[in-house]
Amino acid sequence: MLENLGRAPIRLPGARLLLKGHREVLPIAYTPLFVVCQEREHLLEVRVADRQLPASTSVPEMSTRHVPAWPLSDRERLVLVCRGPALPAA
């Protein structure tokens, strides 16, 4: 069960909006949710698991797995900067 306690609406799959104070039953599956703000949306990836699945071994204080950075040439870095999202005007 997902309940929106915040001010911003949450966009569910199928373009349905979950407004403040409303509830929605989520399926047992991966579900992308989008918190809708003024000029952008923030993705929240949710995985609802069945109670029969084994408990996760993760611990809240556990650090994220460190993966070595992929070496990039100066040209590849430039392409990533040019392809990145535009910042809103201040």
N, C-alpha and C. Protein backbone atom coordinates (compact mmCIF):
# COMPACT_ATOMS: atom_id res chain seq x y z
N MET A 1 0.85 -1.17 0.00
CA MET A 1 0.00 0.00 0.00
C MET A 1 0.90 1.23 0.00
N LEU A 2 0.65 2.13 -0.92
CA LEU A 2 1.38 3.39 -1.00
C LEU A 2 0.41 4.50 -0.64
N GLU A 3 0.81 5.35 0.31
CA GLU A 3 0.00 6.50 0.68
C GLU A 3 0.83 7.76 0.48
N ASN A 4 0.28 8.73 -0.21
CA ASN A 4 0.99 9.97 -0.45
C ASN A 4 0.75 10.91 0.73
N LEU A 5 1.79 11.13 1.53
CA LEU A 5 1.70 12.02 2.68
C LEU A 5 2.29 13.39 2.38
N GLY A 6 2.90 13.54 1.22
CA GLY A 6 3.54 14.80 0.85
C GLY A 6 2.61 15.73 0.09
N ARG A 7 3.17 16.86 -0.29
CA ARG A 7 2.39 17.86 -1.04
C ARG A 7 2.34 17.56 -2.53
N ALA A 8 3.45 17.02 -3.06
CA ALA A 8 3.55 16.79 -4.50
C ALA A 8 2.80 15.52 -4.89
N PRO A 9 2.12 15.54 -6.03
CA PRO A 9 1.47 14.32 -6.51
C PRO A 9 2.52 13.31 -6.98
N ILE A 10 2.15 12.05 -6.95
CA ILE A 10 3.01 10.97 -7.43
C ILE A 10 2.36 10.38 -8.67
N ARG A 11 3.12 10.35 -9.76
CA ARG A 11 2.60 9.77 -11.01
C ARG A 11 2.90 8.29 -11.02
N LEU A 12 1.86 7.49 -11.15
CA LEU A 12 1.97 6.04 -11.21
C LEU A 12 2.01 5.59 -12.66
N PRO A 13 2.38 4.35 -12.92
CA PRO A 13 2.32 3.85 -14.31
C PRO A 13 0.91 4.03 -14.87
N GLY A 14 0.84 4.37 -16.13
CA GLY A 14 -0.45 4.59 -16.77
C GLY A 14 -0.92 6.03 -16.62
N ALA A 15 -0.02 6.91 -16.17
CA ALA A 15 -0.28 8.36 -16.04
C ALA A 15 -1.29 8.70 -14.95
N ARG A 16 -1.60 7.76 -14.05
CA ARG A 16 -2.50 8.06 -12.93
C ARG A 16 -1.74 8.87 -11.89
N LEU A 17 -2.40 9.82 -11.26
CA LEU A 17 -1.78 10.63 -10.22
C LEU A 17 -2.31 10.21 -8.86
N LEU A 18 -1.41 10.09 -7.90
CA LEU A 18 -1.76 9.80 -6.52
C LEU A 18 -1.59 11.11 -5.76
N LEU A 19 -2.70 11.71 -5.37
CA LEU A 19 -2.68 13.01 -4.71
C LEU A 19 -2.50 12.86 -3.21
N LYS A 20 -2.20 13.97 -2.53
CA LYS A 20 -1.97 13.98 -1.08
C LYS A 20 -3.15 13.34 -0.36
N GLY A 21 -2.83 12.41 0.55
CA GLY A 21 -3.85 11.75 1.35
C GLY A 21 -4.49 10.55 0.71
N HIS A 22 -4.20 10.29 -0.57
CA HIS A 22 -4.78 9.14 -1.26
C HIS A 22 -3.87 7.92 -1.14
N ARG A 23 -4.46 6.75 -1.32
CA ARG A 23 -3.72 5.48 -1.23
C ARG A 23 -3.90 4.68 -2.51
N GLU A 24 -2.92 3.82 -2.76
CA GLU A 24 -2.96 2.95 -3.94
C GLU A 24 -2.26 1.65 -3.58
N VAL A 25 -2.85 0.54 -3.97
CA VAL A 25 -2.22 -0.76 -3.77
C VAL A 25 -1.25 -0.98 -4.93
N LEU A 26 0.01 -1.24 -4.60
CA LEU A 26 1.01 -1.49 -5.64
C LEU A 26 1.11 -2.99 -5.88
N PRO A 27 1.34 -3.39 -7.13
CA PRO A 27 1.49 -4.82 -7.42
C PRO A 27 2.82 -5.34 -6.89
N ILE A 28 2.91 -6.64 -6.72
CA ILE A 28 4.17 -7.27 -6.33
C ILE A 28 5.04 -7.30 -7.58
N ALA A 29 5.87 -6.29 -7.72
CA ALA A 29 6.69 -6.12 -8.91
C ALA A 29 7.53 -4.87 -8.77
N TYR A 30 8.35 -4.61 -9.76
CA TYR A 30 9.08 -3.35 -9.87
C TYR A 30 8.10 -2.31 -10.38
N THR A 31 8.05 -1.16 -9.73
CA THR A 31 7.15 -0.09 -10.15
C THR A 31 7.88 1.24 -10.14
N PRO A 32 7.99 1.90 -11.27
CA PRO A 32 8.58 3.25 -11.28
C PRO A 32 7.52 4.26 -10.85
N LEU A 33 7.87 5.12 -9.91
CA LEU A 33 6.99 6.19 -9.46
C LEU A 33 7.69 7.51 -9.74
N PHE A 34 6.93 8.54 -10.06
CA PHE A 34 7.51 9.85 -10.35
C PHE A 34 6.88 10.88 -9.43
N VAL A 35 7.70 11.52 -8.60
CA VAL A 35 7.23 12.60 -7.75
C VAL A 35 7.23 13.85 -8.63
N VAL A 36 6.06 14.45 -8.81
CA VAL A 36 5.88 15.56 -9.74
C VAL A 36 6.09 16.88 -8.99
N CYS A 37 7.14 17.60 -9.37
CA CYS A 37 7.43 18.91 -8.79
C CYS A 37 7.17 19.98 -9.86
N GLN A 38 7.45 21.22 -9.53
CA GLN A 38 7.11 22.33 -10.41
C GLN A 38 7.62 22.15 -11.83
N GLU A 39 8.92 22.00 -12.00
CA GLU A 39 9.48 21.96 -13.35
C GLU A 39 10.10 20.62 -13.73
N ARG A 40 10.05 19.65 -12.84
CA ARG A 40 10.65 18.36 -13.15
C ARG A 40 9.97 17.26 -12.37
N GLU A 41 10.31 16.04 -12.73
CA GLU A 41 9.81 14.86 -12.03
C GLU A 41 11.00 14.09 -11.49
N HIS A 42 10.83 13.52 -10.31
CA HIS A 42 11.89 12.74 -9.68
C HIS A 42 11.48 11.28 -9.66
N LEU A 43 12.33 10.44 -10.24
CA LEU A 43 12.04 9.01 -10.32
C LEU A 43 12.33 8.34 -8.99
N LEU A 44 11.39 7.53 -8.54
CA LEU A 44 11.55 6.70 -7.36
C LEU A 44 11.26 5.27 -7.80
N GLU A 45 12.28 4.43 -7.78
CA GLU A 45 12.11 3.05 -8.20
C GLU A 45 11.75 2.21 -6.99
N VAL A 46 10.61 1.53 -7.07
CA VAL A 46 10.10 0.76 -5.94
C VAL A 46 9.97 -0.70 -6.37
N ARG A 47 10.41 -1.59 -5.51
CA ARG A 47 10.24 -3.02 -5.75
C ARG A 47 9.44 -3.58 -4.58
N VAL A 48 8.23 -4.00 -4.87
CA VAL A 48 7.37 -4.59 -3.85
C VAL A 48 7.57 -6.10 -3.93
N ALA A 49 7.94 -6.69 -2.79
CA ALA A 49 8.22 -8.13 -2.75
C ALA A 49 7.14 -8.86 -1.96
N ASP A 50 6.95 -10.10 -2.30
CA ASP A 50 6.01 -10.96 -1.60
C ASP A 50 6.59 -11.30 -0.23
N ARG A 51 5.76 -11.49 0.75
CA ARG A 51 6.24 -11.82 2.10
C ARG A 51 6.99 -13.15 2.13
N GLN A 52 6.81 -13.99 1.15
CA GLN A 52 7.45 -15.29 1.14
C GLN A 52 8.91 -15.23 0.72
N LEU A 53 9.35 -14.10 0.16
CA LEU A 53 10.74 -13.98 -0.24
C LEU A 53 11.63 -13.85 0.99
N PRO A 54 12.87 -14.33 0.92
CA PRO A 54 13.76 -14.19 2.07
C PRO A 54 14.05 -12.73 2.35
N ALA A 55 14.28 -12.43 3.62
CA ALA A 55 14.58 -11.06 4.02
C ALA A 55 15.88 -10.59 3.38
N SER A 56 15.96 -9.32 3.10
CA SER A 56 17.16 -8.74 2.51
C SER A 56 18.30 -8.76 3.51
N THR A 57 19.50 -8.92 3.01
CA THR A 57 20.67 -8.92 3.88
C THR A 57 21.28 -7.53 4.00
N SER A 58 20.64 -6.54 3.39
CA SER A 58 21.20 -5.19 3.45
C SER A 58 20.94 -4.57 4.81
N VAL A 59 21.83 -3.67 5.18
CA VAL A 59 21.75 -2.96 6.44
C VAL A 59 21.74 -1.47 6.10
N PRO A 60 20.87 -0.66 6.74
CA PRO A 60 20.81 0.77 6.38
C PRO A 60 22.15 1.48 6.43
N GLU A 61 23.02 1.09 7.34
CA GLU A 61 24.31 1.76 7.46
C GLU A 61 25.35 1.23 6.48
N MET A 62 24.98 0.22 5.71
CA MET A 62 25.91 -0.41 4.78
C MET A 62 26.30 0.56 3.66
N SER A 63 27.56 0.58 3.30
CA SER A 63 27.99 1.48 2.23
C SER A 63 27.64 0.89 0.87
N THR A 64 27.53 1.76 -0.11
CA THR A 64 27.25 1.34 -1.48
C THR A 64 28.47 0.65 -2.05
N ARG A 65 28.24 -0.37 -2.85
CA ARG A 65 29.34 -1.09 -3.47
C ARG A 65 30.12 -0.16 -4.39
N HIS A 66 31.41 -0.12 -4.22
CA HIS A 66 32.24 0.75 -5.05
C HIS A 66 32.68 0.00 -6.30
N VAL A 67 32.34 0.56 -7.43
CA VAL A 67 32.72 -0.01 -8.72
C VAL A 67 33.77 0.91 -9.32
N PRO A 68 34.84 0.34 -9.85
CA PRO A 68 35.87 1.21 -10.42
C PRO A 68 35.30 2.08 -11.55
N ALA A 69 35.76 3.31 -11.61
CA ALA A 69 35.30 4.24 -12.64
C ALA A 69 35.84 3.81 -14.00
N TRP A 70 35.03 4.00 -15.01
CA TRP A 70 35.44 3.69 -16.38
C TRP A 70 36.31 4.83 -16.88
N PRO A 71 37.50 4.53 -17.38
CA PRO A 71 38.36 5.61 -17.85
C PRO A 71 37.77 6.25 -19.12
N LEU A 72 37.69 7.59 -19.12
CA LEU A 72 37.14 8.32 -20.26
C LEU A 72 38.21 9.24 -20.84
N SER A 73 38.18 9.35 -22.14
CA SER A 73 39.08 10.31 -22.80
C SER A 73 38.48 11.71 -22.65
N ASP A 74 39.27 12.74 -22.95
CA ASP A 74 38.77 14.11 -22.88
C ASP A 74 37.57 14.29 -23.82
N ARG A 75 37.61 13.67 -24.99
CA ARG A 75 36.52 13.78 -25.96
C ARG A 75 35.24 13.13 -25.41
N GLU A 76 35.37 11.96 -24.77
CA GLU A 76 34.21 11.28 -24.19
C GLU A 76 33.60 12.12 -23.06
N ARG A 77 34.43 12.74 -22.25
CA ARG A 77 33.93 13.61 -21.19
C ARG A 77 33.15 14.78 -21.77
N LEU A 78 33.66 15.37 -22.85
CA LEU A 78 32.99 16.49 -23.49
C LEU A 78 31.62 16.07 -24.01
N VAL A 79 31.54 14.89 -24.60
CA VAL A 79 30.26 14.39 -25.11
C VAL A 79 29.27 14.23 -23.96
N LEU A 80 29.71 13.71 -22.82
CA LEU A 80 28.81 13.54 -21.68
C LEU A 80 28.32 14.88 -21.15
N VAL A 81 29.19 15.86 -21.10
CA VAL A 81 28.79 17.18 -20.64
C VAL A 81 27.77 17.79 -21.59
N CYS A 82 28.00 17.65 -22.89
CA CYS A 82 27.08 18.22 -23.89
C CYS A 82 25.74 17.50 -23.89
N ARG A 83 25.72 16.21 -23.54
CA ARG A 83 24.49 15.43 -23.55
C ARG A 83 23.74 15.49 -22.23
N GLY A 84 24.36 16.06 -21.20
CA GLY A 84 23.72 16.13 -19.88
C GLY A 84 22.51 17.03 -19.89
N PRO A 85 21.66 16.94 -18.83
CA PRO A 85 20.46 17.76 -18.76
C PRO A 85 20.79 19.24 -18.61
N ALA A 86 19.99 20.07 -19.21
CA ALA A 86 20.16 21.51 -19.09
C ALA A 86 19.65 21.97 -17.73
N LEU A 87 20.37 22.86 -17.09
CA LEU A 87 19.95 23.39 -15.80
C LEU A 87 18.93 24.51 -16.01
N PRO A 88 17.94 24.61 -15.12
CA PRO A 88 16.96 25.69 -15.29
C PRO A 88 17.61 27.04 -15.04
N ALA A 89 17.08 28.06 -15.70
CA ALA A 89 17.61 29.42 -15.51
C ALA A 89 17.33 29.88 -14.10
N ALA A 90 18.33 30.51 -13.49
CA ALA A 90 18.17 30.96 -12.10
C ALA A 90 17.46 32.28 -12.02
